[in-house]
Amino acid sequence: MGNKSDETKAYILEKVAPIFNSKGYVGTSLSDLTEATGLTKGAIYCNFKNKEDLAVKAFKYNVKLVLFPIAIEITKYENALDKLYAVTNFYRVYYPIAKERGGCPILNVGVDTNSVNPLLFKTVKEVSKRTMQSIIDIIQFGISRKEIRADIDVNKIANNFYCIIEGGVFMSFMNRNPLFLANICDHIDKHIIDVIKK
């Protein structure tokens, strides 16, 4: 069991993570944090170094809640093509999951902190890079198993997949319509069959 300090930190993150995600780093005020937690400024910053530290940890908390399920889905399948389909199937239902948390944390925080908070922006870039690397790993795994053509540009394909997905996320949230993301996932599935499947 965790100690009291760990429990307090977990409680604070649970309460403030959706606020940072929906309002952004600059838009989230101290009164937002104290109101959401019912704690004083001193009690909050006794557990976190400062607002930036809290925002970074809140972002990681949101990513874990919203995106961790995709990692679990991928591990359920043995072959690479099914793993890629697990990615698109996850994003087909991503909109309501992310909406409940105030939107896509990677998209929200990436745009919000681009020229405002270098540390938080760097954290988003690292998560984004890891997400794209997981797609690269799946494709390379598929090549090694002779499920995927060996003559494709793996990095380019993975880049395109990830960029298209994030574009679909953006359009779905801009229009408040999950259909944009679902259509993009259909497009990627067709690309898998037409272009990369051996």
N, C-alpha and C. Protein backbone atom coordinates (compact mmCIF):
# COMPACT_ATOMS: atom_id res chain seq x y z
N MET A 1 0.83 -1.20 0.00
CA MET A 1 0.00 0.00 0.00
C MET A 1 0.86 1.25 0.00
N GLY A 2 0.42 2.29 -0.71
CA GLY A 2 1.18 3.53 -0.75
C GLY A 2 1.01 4.33 0.53
N ASN A 3 1.93 5.26 0.73
CA ASN A 3 1.80 6.09 1.92
C ASN A 3 0.83 7.24 1.66
N LYS A 4 0.61 8.04 2.70
CA LYS A 4 -0.37 9.13 2.62
C LYS A 4 0.00 10.13 1.52
N SER A 5 1.31 10.42 1.38
CA SER A 5 1.77 11.36 0.37
C SER A 5 1.44 10.86 -1.04
N ASP A 6 1.67 9.56 -1.27
CA ASP A 6 1.36 8.98 -2.59
C ASP A 6 -0.13 9.04 -2.88
N GLU A 7 -0.93 8.79 -1.85
CA GLU A 7 -2.38 8.84 -2.02
C GLU A 7 -2.85 10.26 -2.35
N THR A 8 -2.23 11.24 -1.68
CA THR A 8 -2.59 12.65 -1.94
C THR A 8 -2.20 13.05 -3.36
N LYS A 9 -1.01 12.65 -3.79
CA LYS A 9 -0.56 12.95 -5.15
C LYS A 9 -1.51 12.34 -6.18
N ALA A 10 -1.89 11.09 -5.95
CA ALA A 10 -2.79 10.40 -6.87
C ALA A 10 -4.15 11.10 -6.92
N TYR A 11 -4.62 11.54 -5.76
CA TYR A 11 -5.90 12.24 -5.69
C TYR A 11 -5.84 13.56 -6.47
N ILE A 12 -4.75 14.31 -6.26
CA ILE A 12 -4.58 15.60 -6.95
C ILE A 12 -4.55 15.39 -8.46
N LEU A 13 -3.77 14.43 -8.92
CA LEU A 13 -3.67 14.16 -10.36
C LEU A 13 -5.01 13.76 -10.95
N GLU A 14 -5.74 12.92 -10.25
CA GLU A 14 -7.05 12.49 -10.73
C GLU A 14 -7.98 13.69 -10.93
N LYS A 15 -7.90 14.66 -10.04
CA LYS A 15 -8.79 15.82 -10.09
C LYS A 15 -8.35 16.88 -11.10
N VAL A 16 -7.03 17.09 -11.22
CA VAL A 16 -6.56 18.21 -12.06
C VAL A 16 -6.21 17.81 -13.48
N ALA A 17 -5.96 16.52 -13.73
CA ALA A 17 -5.54 16.09 -15.07
C ALA A 17 -6.55 16.47 -16.16
N PRO A 18 -7.86 16.24 -15.95
CA PRO A 18 -8.81 16.64 -17.00
C PRO A 18 -8.86 18.15 -17.21
N ILE A 19 -8.59 18.92 -16.16
CA ILE A 19 -8.62 20.39 -16.27
C ILE A 19 -7.46 20.88 -17.11
N PHE A 20 -6.25 20.39 -16.83
CA PHE A 20 -5.09 20.76 -17.64
C PHE A 20 -5.31 20.35 -19.10
N ASN A 21 -5.92 19.18 -19.30
CA ASN A 21 -6.12 18.68 -20.66
C ASN A 21 -7.10 19.54 -21.45
N SER A 22 -8.16 20.00 -20.79
CA SER A 22 -9.18 20.77 -21.51
C SER A 22 -8.88 22.27 -21.55
N LYS A 23 -8.29 22.82 -20.48
CA LYS A 23 -8.04 24.26 -20.43
C LYS A 23 -6.63 24.65 -20.87
N GLY A 24 -5.71 23.69 -20.86
CA GLY A 24 -4.34 23.99 -21.23
C GLY A 24 -3.51 24.47 -20.06
N TYR A 25 -2.21 24.55 -20.27
CA TYR A 25 -1.28 24.93 -19.20
C TYR A 25 -1.52 26.37 -18.76
N VAL A 26 -1.57 27.29 -19.70
CA VAL A 26 -1.76 28.70 -19.38
C VAL A 26 -3.18 28.95 -18.87
N GLY A 27 -4.15 28.29 -19.49
CA GLY A 27 -5.56 28.52 -19.15
C GLY A 27 -5.98 27.96 -17.80
N THR A 28 -5.18 27.05 -17.26
CA THR A 28 -5.50 26.47 -15.95
C THR A 28 -4.96 27.37 -14.85
N SER A 29 -5.86 27.89 -14.04
CA SER A 29 -5.46 28.82 -12.97
C SER A 29 -5.31 28.08 -11.64
N LEU A 30 -4.68 28.75 -10.70
CA LEU A 30 -4.53 28.19 -9.36
C LEU A 30 -5.90 27.94 -8.73
N SER A 31 -6.84 28.84 -8.98
CA SER A 31 -8.19 28.66 -8.41
C SER A 31 -8.87 27.43 -9.00
N ASP A 32 -8.57 27.12 -10.29
CA ASP A 32 -9.10 25.89 -10.89
C ASP A 32 -8.60 24.66 -10.12
N LEU A 33 -7.32 24.71 -9.77
CA LEU A 33 -6.69 23.57 -9.09
C LEU A 33 -7.20 23.41 -7.66
N THR A 34 -7.30 24.51 -6.94
CA THR A 34 -7.77 24.44 -5.56
C THR A 34 -9.26 24.07 -5.50
N GLU A 35 -10.02 24.58 -6.45
CA GLU A 35 -11.45 24.27 -6.48
C GLU A 35 -11.68 22.80 -6.80
N ALA A 36 -10.92 22.26 -7.76
CA ALA A 36 -11.10 20.86 -8.16
C ALA A 36 -10.69 19.89 -7.07
N THR A 37 -9.65 20.24 -6.33
CA THR A 37 -9.11 19.32 -5.32
C THR A 37 -9.68 19.57 -3.93
N GLY A 38 -10.16 20.79 -3.69
CA GLY A 38 -10.59 21.15 -2.34
C GLY A 38 -9.41 21.37 -1.41
N LEU A 39 -8.22 21.52 -2.00
CA LEU A 39 -7.00 21.72 -1.21
C LEU A 39 -6.47 23.14 -1.39
N THR A 40 -5.62 23.57 -0.49
CA THR A 40 -5.00 24.89 -0.59
C THR A 40 -3.82 24.83 -1.56
N LYS A 41 -3.35 26.00 -1.97
CA LYS A 41 -2.17 26.08 -2.84
C LYS A 41 -0.99 25.37 -2.18
N GLY A 42 -0.82 25.63 -0.86
CA GLY A 42 0.29 25.01 -0.13
C GLY A 42 0.21 23.50 -0.12
N ALA A 43 -1.01 22.96 0.03
CA ALA A 43 -1.18 21.51 0.06
C ALA A 43 -0.87 20.89 -1.30
N ILE A 44 -1.24 21.60 -2.36
CA ILE A 44 -0.96 21.09 -3.72
C ILE A 44 0.54 21.11 -3.99
N TYR A 45 1.16 22.26 -3.74
CA TYR A 45 2.58 22.40 -4.09
C TYR A 45 3.52 21.80 -3.05
N CYS A 46 2.94 21.25 -1.99
CA CYS A 46 3.73 20.45 -1.06
C CYS A 46 4.02 19.08 -1.69
N ASN A 47 3.14 18.70 -2.63
CA ASN A 47 3.26 17.39 -3.28
C ASN A 47 3.89 17.47 -4.68
N PHE A 48 3.94 18.67 -5.25
CA PHE A 48 4.54 18.86 -6.58
C PHE A 48 5.43 20.11 -6.52
N LYS A 49 6.50 20.09 -7.29
CA LYS A 49 7.48 21.20 -7.23
C LYS A 49 6.85 22.54 -7.56
N ASN A 50 6.05 22.55 -8.62
CA ASN A 50 5.44 23.79 -9.10
C ASN A 50 4.34 23.43 -10.11
N LYS A 51 3.75 24.43 -10.72
CA LYS A 51 2.68 24.20 -11.69
C LYS A 51 3.17 23.38 -12.88
N GLU A 52 4.39 23.65 -13.34
CA GLU A 52 4.93 22.92 -14.48
C GLU A 52 5.09 21.44 -14.17
N ASP A 53 5.62 21.13 -12.99
CA ASP A 53 5.78 19.73 -12.57
C ASP A 53 4.43 19.04 -12.51
N LEU A 54 3.44 19.72 -11.96
CA LEU A 54 2.09 19.17 -11.87
C LEU A 54 1.50 18.96 -13.27
N ALA A 55 1.73 19.91 -14.17
CA ALA A 55 1.19 19.80 -15.54
C ALA A 55 1.82 18.63 -16.30
N VAL A 56 3.12 18.43 -16.13
CA VAL A 56 3.81 17.31 -16.79
C VAL A 56 3.25 15.99 -16.28
N LYS A 57 3.11 15.88 -14.97
CA LYS A 57 2.59 14.63 -14.39
C LYS A 57 1.12 14.42 -14.75
N ALA A 58 0.37 15.52 -14.86
CA ALA A 58 -1.04 15.42 -15.26
C ALA A 58 -1.13 14.94 -16.71
N PHE A 59 -0.24 15.43 -17.57
CA PHE A 59 -0.22 14.99 -18.96
C PHE A 59 0.06 13.48 -19.04
N LYS A 60 1.07 13.03 -18.29
CA LYS A 60 1.42 11.60 -18.29
C LYS A 60 0.27 10.76 -17.75
N TYR A 61 -0.43 11.29 -16.77
CA TYR A 61 -1.59 10.61 -16.20
C TYR A 61 -2.69 10.47 -17.26
N ASN A 62 -2.95 11.55 -18.00
CA ASN A 62 -3.96 11.51 -19.06
C ASN A 62 -3.58 10.54 -20.16
N VAL A 63 -2.32 10.55 -20.55
CA VAL A 63 -1.85 9.64 -21.60
C VAL A 63 -2.05 8.20 -21.16
N LYS A 64 -1.70 7.92 -19.91
CA LYS A 64 -1.85 6.55 -19.40
C LYS A 64 -3.31 6.10 -19.44
N LEU A 65 -4.21 6.97 -19.04
CA LEU A 65 -5.63 6.62 -19.02
C LEU A 65 -6.22 6.47 -20.42
N VAL A 66 -5.84 7.40 -21.31
CA VAL A 66 -6.46 7.45 -22.62
C VAL A 66 -5.79 6.52 -23.63
N LEU A 67 -4.46 6.41 -23.57
CA LEU A 67 -3.74 5.67 -24.60
C LEU A 67 -3.20 4.30 -24.16
N PHE A 68 -3.09 4.06 -22.86
CA PHE A 68 -2.56 2.78 -22.40
C PHE A 68 -3.36 1.59 -22.90
N PRO A 69 -4.70 1.72 -23.00
CA PRO A 69 -5.48 0.57 -23.49
C PRO A 69 -5.05 0.06 -24.87
N ILE A 70 -4.47 0.93 -25.69
CA ILE A 70 -4.05 0.48 -27.02
C ILE A 70 -2.90 -0.53 -26.92
N ALA A 71 -2.02 -0.31 -25.95
CA ALA A 71 -0.90 -1.23 -25.75
C ALA A 71 -1.42 -2.61 -25.34
N ILE A 72 -2.44 -2.62 -24.51
CA ILE A 72 -3.04 -3.88 -24.08
C ILE A 72 -3.67 -4.59 -25.27
N GLU A 73 -4.37 -3.83 -26.11
CA GLU A 73 -5.03 -4.42 -27.29
C GLU A 73 -4.01 -5.05 -28.23
N ILE A 74 -2.91 -4.35 -28.46
CA ILE A 74 -1.87 -4.84 -29.39
C ILE A 74 -1.31 -6.18 -28.93
N THR A 75 -1.11 -6.33 -27.62
CA THR A 75 -0.50 -7.57 -27.09
C THR A 75 -1.43 -8.78 -27.21
N LYS A 76 -2.68 -8.55 -27.51
CA LYS A 76 -3.64 -9.67 -27.62
C LYS A 76 -3.44 -10.47 -28.90
N TYR A 77 -2.70 -9.90 -29.87
CA TYR A 77 -2.58 -10.54 -31.18
C TYR A 77 -1.15 -10.98 -31.45
N GLU A 78 -1.05 -12.09 -32.19
CA GLU A 78 0.27 -12.65 -32.47
C GLU A 78 0.87 -12.12 -33.76
N ASN A 79 0.06 -11.92 -34.78
CA ASN A 79 0.65 -11.49 -36.05
C ASN A 79 0.56 -9.96 -36.22
N ALA A 80 1.44 -9.45 -37.05
CA ALA A 80 1.62 -8.00 -37.20
C ALA A 80 0.40 -7.31 -37.80
N LEU A 81 -0.23 -7.94 -38.78
CA LEU A 81 -1.39 -7.31 -39.42
C LEU A 81 -2.52 -7.12 -38.41
N ASP A 82 -2.74 -8.12 -37.58
CA ASP A 82 -3.78 -7.99 -36.55
C ASP A 82 -3.42 -6.92 -35.52
N LYS A 83 -2.14 -6.77 -35.27
CA LYS A 83 -1.68 -5.71 -34.35
C LYS A 83 -1.96 -4.33 -34.94
N LEU A 84 -1.71 -4.19 -36.26
CA LEU A 84 -2.01 -2.92 -36.93
C LEU A 84 -3.51 -2.65 -36.93
N TYR A 85 -4.30 -3.69 -37.17
CA TYR A 85 -5.76 -3.52 -37.13
C TYR A 85 -6.22 -3.19 -35.71
N ALA A 86 -5.50 -3.69 -34.72
CA ALA A 86 -5.84 -3.35 -33.32
C ALA A 86 -5.67 -1.85 -33.08
N VAL A 87 -4.66 -1.26 -33.74
CA VAL A 87 -4.44 0.18 -33.63
C VAL A 87 -5.61 0.94 -34.22
N THR A 88 -6.01 0.58 -35.44
CA THR A 88 -7.12 1.30 -36.08
C THR A 88 -8.45 1.04 -35.37
N ASN A 89 -8.64 -0.18 -34.88
CA ASN A 89 -9.87 -0.47 -34.15
C ASN A 89 -9.95 0.34 -32.86
N PHE A 90 -8.79 0.53 -32.22
CA PHE A 90 -8.76 1.34 -31.01
C PHE A 90 -9.16 2.78 -31.32
N TYR A 91 -8.61 3.32 -32.39
CA TYR A 91 -8.90 4.72 -32.73
C TYR A 91 -10.33 4.92 -33.25
N ARG A 92 -10.96 3.86 -33.69
CA ARG A 92 -12.37 3.97 -34.09
C ARG A 92 -13.26 4.32 -32.89
N VAL A 93 -12.84 3.90 -31.71
CA VAL A 93 -13.64 4.18 -30.51
C VAL A 93 -12.94 5.19 -29.59
N TYR A 94 -11.89 5.83 -30.11
CA TYR A 94 -11.08 6.74 -29.30
C TYR A 94 -11.79 8.03 -28.94
N TYR A 95 -12.61 8.53 -29.84
CA TYR A 95 -13.24 9.84 -29.64
C TYR A 95 -14.01 9.96 -28.32
N PRO A 96 -14.95 9.06 -28.02
CA PRO A 96 -15.67 9.22 -26.75
C PRO A 96 -14.78 9.03 -25.52
N ILE A 97 -13.77 8.17 -25.64
CA ILE A 97 -12.84 7.95 -24.52
C ILE A 97 -12.07 9.23 -24.22
N ALA A 98 -11.51 9.83 -25.28
CA ALA A 98 -10.72 11.05 -25.11
C ALA A 98 -11.60 12.24 -24.74
N LYS A 99 -12.79 12.29 -25.30
CA LYS A 99 -13.72 13.39 -25.02
C LYS A 99 -14.03 13.48 -23.53
N GLU A 100 -14.18 12.33 -22.91
CA GLU A 100 -14.48 12.27 -21.48
C GLU A 100 -13.37 12.89 -20.64
N ARG A 101 -12.13 12.87 -21.17
CA ARG A 101 -10.98 13.42 -20.45
C ARG A 101 -10.65 14.84 -20.92
N GLY A 102 -11.49 15.43 -21.76
CA GLY A 102 -11.24 16.79 -22.22
C GLY A 102 -10.55 16.86 -23.56
N GLY A 103 -10.45 15.72 -24.28
CA GLY A 103 -9.82 15.71 -25.59
C GLY A 103 -8.58 14.83 -25.62
N CYS A 104 -7.94 14.79 -26.78
CA CYS A 104 -6.71 13.99 -26.95
C CYS A 104 -5.55 14.72 -26.27
N PRO A 105 -4.92 14.11 -25.26
CA PRO A 105 -3.85 14.81 -24.55
C PRO A 105 -2.66 15.18 -25.43
N ILE A 106 -2.30 14.31 -26.36
CA ILE A 106 -1.15 14.60 -27.23
C ILE A 106 -1.46 15.82 -28.10
N LEU A 107 -2.63 15.83 -28.70
CA LEU A 107 -3.03 16.94 -29.57
C LEU A 107 -3.20 18.23 -28.75
N ASN A 108 -3.95 18.14 -27.66
CA ASN A 108 -4.22 19.33 -26.84
C ASN A 108 -2.95 19.96 -26.29
N VAL A 109 -2.16 19.15 -25.62
CA VAL A 109 -0.98 19.68 -24.93
C VAL A 109 0.11 20.05 -25.93
N GLY A 110 0.22 19.29 -27.02
CA GLY A 110 1.21 19.61 -28.04
C GLY A 110 0.99 20.99 -28.64
N VAL A 111 -0.25 21.29 -28.99
CA VAL A 111 -0.59 22.60 -29.57
C VAL A 111 -0.48 23.70 -28.52
N ASP A 112 -0.99 23.40 -27.32
CA ASP A 112 -1.03 24.40 -26.24
C ASP A 112 0.35 24.86 -25.79
N THR A 113 1.33 23.95 -25.79
CA THR A 113 2.63 24.28 -25.19
C THR A 113 3.74 24.55 -26.20
N ASN A 114 3.42 24.51 -27.47
CA ASN A 114 4.43 24.63 -28.52
C ASN A 114 5.40 25.79 -28.30
N SER A 115 4.89 26.97 -27.98
CA SER A 115 5.78 28.12 -27.78
C SER A 115 5.62 28.71 -26.38
N VAL A 116 5.05 27.91 -25.46
CA VAL A 116 4.77 28.42 -24.12
C VAL A 116 5.58 27.71 -23.05
N ASN A 117 5.71 26.39 -23.16
CA ASN A 117 6.35 25.61 -22.12
C ASN A 117 7.24 24.53 -22.73
N PRO A 118 8.53 24.80 -22.88
CA PRO A 118 9.44 23.86 -23.55
C PRO A 118 9.49 22.48 -22.90
N LEU A 119 9.45 22.40 -21.56
CA LEU A 119 9.53 21.11 -20.89
C LEU A 119 8.31 20.25 -21.19
N LEU A 120 7.15 20.86 -21.09
CA LEU A 120 5.91 20.12 -21.35
C LEU A 120 5.82 19.72 -22.82
N PHE A 121 6.24 20.63 -23.71
CA PHE A 121 6.24 20.34 -25.14
C PHE A 121 7.18 19.17 -25.45
N LYS A 122 8.35 19.16 -24.80
CA LYS A 122 9.32 18.07 -24.98
C LYS A 122 8.73 16.74 -24.52
N THR A 123 7.98 16.78 -23.42
CA THR A 123 7.34 15.56 -22.89
C THR A 123 6.33 15.01 -23.88
N VAL A 124 5.56 15.90 -24.49
CA VAL A 124 4.57 15.49 -25.50
C VAL A 124 5.28 14.87 -26.70
N LYS A 125 6.36 15.50 -27.15
CA LYS A 125 7.12 14.99 -28.30
C LYS A 125 7.65 13.59 -28.02
N GLU A 126 8.11 13.36 -26.79
CA GLU A 126 8.65 12.04 -26.43
C GLU A 126 7.56 10.97 -26.47
N VAL A 127 6.38 11.30 -25.95
CA VAL A 127 5.26 10.35 -25.98
C VAL A 127 4.84 10.08 -27.42
N SER A 128 4.77 11.13 -28.22
CA SER A 128 4.40 11.00 -29.63
C SER A 128 5.42 10.13 -30.37
N LYS A 129 6.69 10.35 -30.08
CA LYS A 129 7.76 9.58 -30.72
C LYS A 129 7.66 8.10 -30.34
N ARG A 130 7.36 7.83 -29.07
CA ARG A 130 7.22 6.44 -28.62
C ARG A 130 6.03 5.77 -29.30
N THR A 131 4.95 6.52 -29.46
CA THR A 131 3.75 5.98 -30.11
C THR A 131 4.06 5.60 -31.55
N MET A 132 4.76 6.49 -32.25
CA MET A 132 5.12 6.21 -33.63
C MET A 132 6.11 5.04 -33.72
N GLN A 133 7.03 4.97 -32.76
CA GLN A 133 8.00 3.88 -32.75
C GLN A 133 7.30 2.53 -32.59
N SER A 134 6.23 2.51 -31.84
CA SER A 134 5.50 1.25 -31.65
C SER A 134 4.90 0.77 -32.98
N ILE A 135 4.49 1.72 -33.82
CA ILE A 135 3.97 1.36 -35.16
C ILE A 135 5.12 0.84 -36.03
N ILE A 136 6.27 1.50 -35.95
CA ILE A 136 7.46 1.04 -36.68
C ILE A 136 7.81 -0.38 -36.26
N ASP A 137 7.80 -0.64 -34.96
CA ASP A 137 8.15 -1.97 -34.44
C ASP A 137 7.20 -3.04 -34.95
N ILE A 138 5.91 -2.71 -35.01
CA ILE A 138 4.92 -3.69 -35.50
C ILE A 138 5.20 -4.01 -36.97
N ILE A 139 5.46 -2.98 -37.77
CA ILE A 139 5.71 -3.20 -39.19
C ILE A 139 6.98 -4.02 -39.40
N GLN A 140 8.03 -3.69 -38.66
CA GLN A 140 9.28 -4.46 -38.77
C GLN A 140 9.09 -5.91 -38.34
N PHE A 141 8.28 -6.08 -37.31
CA PHE A 141 7.95 -7.43 -36.84
C PHE A 141 7.23 -8.20 -37.95
N GLY A 142 6.32 -7.51 -38.64
CA GLY A 142 5.59 -8.13 -39.74
C GLY A 142 6.49 -8.51 -40.90
N ILE A 143 7.49 -7.68 -41.17
CA ILE A 143 8.46 -7.99 -42.23
C ILE A 143 9.26 -9.23 -41.86
N SER A 144 9.67 -9.30 -40.59
CA SER A 144 10.47 -10.45 -40.14
C SER A 144 9.68 -11.75 -40.21
N ARG A 145 8.36 -11.65 -40.10
CA ARG A 145 7.50 -12.84 -40.18
C ARG A 145 6.94 -13.07 -41.58
N LYS A 146 7.41 -12.22 -42.52
CA LYS A 146 6.98 -12.32 -43.92
C LYS A 146 5.46 -12.10 -44.10
N GLU A 147 4.89 -11.31 -43.22
CA GLU A 147 3.48 -10.91 -43.36
C GLU A 147 3.37 -9.59 -44.11
N ILE A 148 4.44 -8.80 -44.04
CA ILE A 148 4.47 -7.47 -44.63
C ILE A 148 5.61 -7.39 -45.62
N ARG A 149 5.38 -6.70 -46.72
CA ARG A 149 6.39 -6.57 -47.77
C ARG A 149 7.69 -5.97 -47.22
N ALA A 150 8.80 -6.52 -47.65
CA ALA A 150 10.10 -6.05 -47.16
C ALA A 150 10.61 -4.83 -47.93
N ASP A 151 9.97 -4.49 -49.06
CA ASP A 151 10.48 -3.40 -49.91
C ASP A 151 9.84 -2.05 -49.59
N ILE A 152 9.07 -1.96 -48.51
CA ILE A 152 8.43 -0.69 -48.17
C ILE A 152 9.36 0.16 -47.31
N ASP A 153 9.10 1.46 -47.30
CA ASP A 153 9.83 2.38 -46.43
C ASP A 153 9.11 2.39 -45.08
N VAL A 154 9.64 1.64 -44.13
CA VAL A 154 8.97 1.42 -42.85
C VAL A 154 8.70 2.74 -42.11
N ASN A 155 9.73 3.58 -42.02
CA ASN A 155 9.57 4.84 -41.29
C ASN A 155 8.52 5.75 -41.94
N LYS A 156 8.54 5.79 -43.26
CA LYS A 156 7.58 6.63 -43.98
C LYS A 156 6.15 6.13 -43.77
N ILE A 157 5.96 4.81 -43.86
CA ILE A 157 4.62 4.23 -43.67
C ILE A 157 4.13 4.52 -42.25
N ALA A 158 4.98 4.28 -41.26
CA ALA A 158 4.60 4.51 -39.85
C ALA A 158 4.30 5.99 -39.61
N ASN A 159 5.15 6.85 -40.18
CA ASN A 159 4.92 8.31 -40.07
C ASN A 159 3.56 8.69 -40.63
N ASN A 160 3.28 8.18 -41.82
CA ASN A 160 2.01 8.51 -42.48
C ASN A 160 0.81 8.00 -41.67
N PHE A 161 0.92 6.76 -41.18
CA PHE A 161 -0.17 6.21 -40.36
C PHE A 161 -0.46 7.12 -39.17
N TYR A 162 0.61 7.46 -38.47
CA TYR A 162 0.43 8.23 -37.25
C TYR A 162 -0.09 9.65 -37.54
N CYS A 163 0.47 10.27 -38.57
CA CYS A 163 0.02 11.62 -38.94
C CYS A 163 -1.44 11.63 -39.37
N ILE A 164 -1.82 10.63 -40.15
CA ILE A 164 -3.21 10.54 -40.62
C ILE A 164 -4.15 10.33 -39.43
N ILE A 165 -3.76 9.48 -38.49
CA ILE A 165 -4.59 9.24 -37.31
C ILE A 165 -4.76 10.52 -36.50
N GLU A 166 -3.64 11.23 -36.25
CA GLU A 166 -3.73 12.47 -35.47
C GLU A 166 -4.58 13.52 -36.22
N GLY A 167 -4.49 13.50 -37.55
CA GLY A 167 -5.34 14.40 -38.34
C GLY A 167 -6.81 14.05 -38.17
N GLY A 168 -7.10 12.76 -38.13
CA GLY A 168 -8.47 12.31 -37.90
C GLY A 168 -8.96 12.70 -36.52
N VAL A 169 -8.07 12.59 -35.53
CA VAL A 169 -8.42 13.01 -34.17
C VAL A 169 -8.76 14.49 -34.15
N PHE A 170 -7.90 15.28 -34.80
CA PHE A 170 -8.12 16.73 -34.87
C PHE A 170 -9.47 17.07 -35.50
N MET A 171 -9.74 16.46 -36.65
CA MET A 171 -10.99 16.76 -37.37
C MET A 171 -12.22 16.30 -36.58
N SER A 172 -12.11 15.16 -35.90
CA SER A 172 -13.24 14.69 -35.11
C SER A 172 -13.55 15.64 -33.96
N PHE A 173 -12.50 16.13 -33.30
CA PHE A 173 -12.73 17.05 -32.19
C PHE A 173 -13.14 18.44 -32.67
N MET A 174 -12.60 18.87 -33.79
CA MET A 174 -13.00 20.16 -34.35
C MET A 174 -14.48 20.18 -34.72
N ASN A 175 -14.94 19.05 -35.25
CA ASN A 175 -16.33 18.97 -35.72
C ASN A 175 -17.26 18.24 -34.76
N ARG A 176 -16.69 17.81 -33.64
CA ARG A 176 -17.45 17.03 -32.66
C ARG A 176 -18.17 15.86 -33.33
N ASN A 177 -17.41 15.15 -34.13
CA ASN A 177 -17.99 14.05 -34.92
C ASN A 177 -16.95 12.92 -35.05
N PRO A 178 -17.19 11.77 -34.42
CA PRO A 178 -16.23 10.66 -34.46
C PRO A 178 -16.09 10.02 -35.84
N LEU A 179 -16.98 10.38 -36.76
CA LEU A 179 -16.96 9.77 -38.09
C LEU A 179 -15.68 10.09 -38.86
N PHE A 180 -15.11 11.28 -38.65
CA PHE A 180 -13.86 11.63 -39.32
C PHE A 180 -12.77 10.62 -38.98
N LEU A 181 -12.66 10.30 -37.72
CA LEU A 181 -11.63 9.35 -37.26
C LEU A 181 -11.93 7.94 -37.75
N ALA A 182 -13.19 7.56 -37.72
CA ALA A 182 -13.58 6.22 -38.20
C ALA A 182 -13.25 6.07 -39.69
N ASN A 183 -13.52 7.12 -40.48
CA ASN A 183 -13.23 7.06 -41.92
C ASN A 183 -11.73 6.95 -42.19
N ILE A 184 -10.94 7.67 -41.40
CA ILE A 184 -9.48 7.61 -41.54
C ILE A 184 -8.99 6.19 -41.23
N CYS A 185 -9.56 5.57 -40.21
CA CYS A 185 -9.15 4.20 -39.85
C CYS A 185 -9.50 3.22 -40.97
N ASP A 186 -10.65 3.43 -41.62
CA ASP A 186 -11.01 2.61 -42.79
C ASP A 186 -9.97 2.79 -43.90
N HIS A 187 -9.55 4.04 -44.12
CA HIS A 187 -8.55 4.34 -45.15
C HIS A 187 -7.23 3.63 -44.85
N ILE A 188 -6.82 3.66 -43.58
CA ILE A 188 -5.56 3.00 -43.20
C ILE A 188 -5.67 1.49 -43.40
N ASP A 189 -6.79 0.91 -43.00
CA ASP A 189 -6.99 -0.53 -43.18
C ASP A 189 -6.88 -0.93 -44.65
N LYS A 190 -7.45 -0.12 -45.52
CA LYS A 190 -7.37 -0.39 -46.96
C LYS A 190 -5.93 -0.28 -47.45
N HIS A 191 -5.21 0.70 -46.90
CA HIS A 191 -3.79 0.88 -47.26
C HIS A 191 -2.98 -0.33 -46.82
N ILE A 192 -3.28 -0.87 -45.67
CA ILE A 192 -2.59 -2.07 -45.17
C ILE A 192 -2.77 -3.22 -46.16
N ILE A 193 -4.00 -3.40 -46.63
CA ILE A 193 -4.30 -4.50 -47.56
C ILE A 193 -3.68 -4.24 -48.94
N ASP A 194 -3.81 -3.00 -49.43
CA ASP A 194 -3.40 -2.69 -50.81
C ASP A 194 -1.90 -2.48 -50.97
N VAL A 195 -1.24 -1.96 -49.91
CA VAL A 195 0.14 -1.52 -50.08
C VAL A 195 1.17 -2.32 -49.29
N ILE A 196 0.88 -2.65 -48.05
CA ILE A 196 1.97 -3.25 -47.25
C ILE A 196 1.81 -4.75 -47.00
N LYS A 197 0.60 -5.26 -47.12
CA LYS A 197 0.42 -6.70 -46.90
C LYS A 197 1.12 -7.51 -47.97
N LYS A 198 1.81 -8.54 -47.56
CA LYS A 198 2.56 -9.36 -48.52
C LYS A 198 1.61 -10.31 -49.25
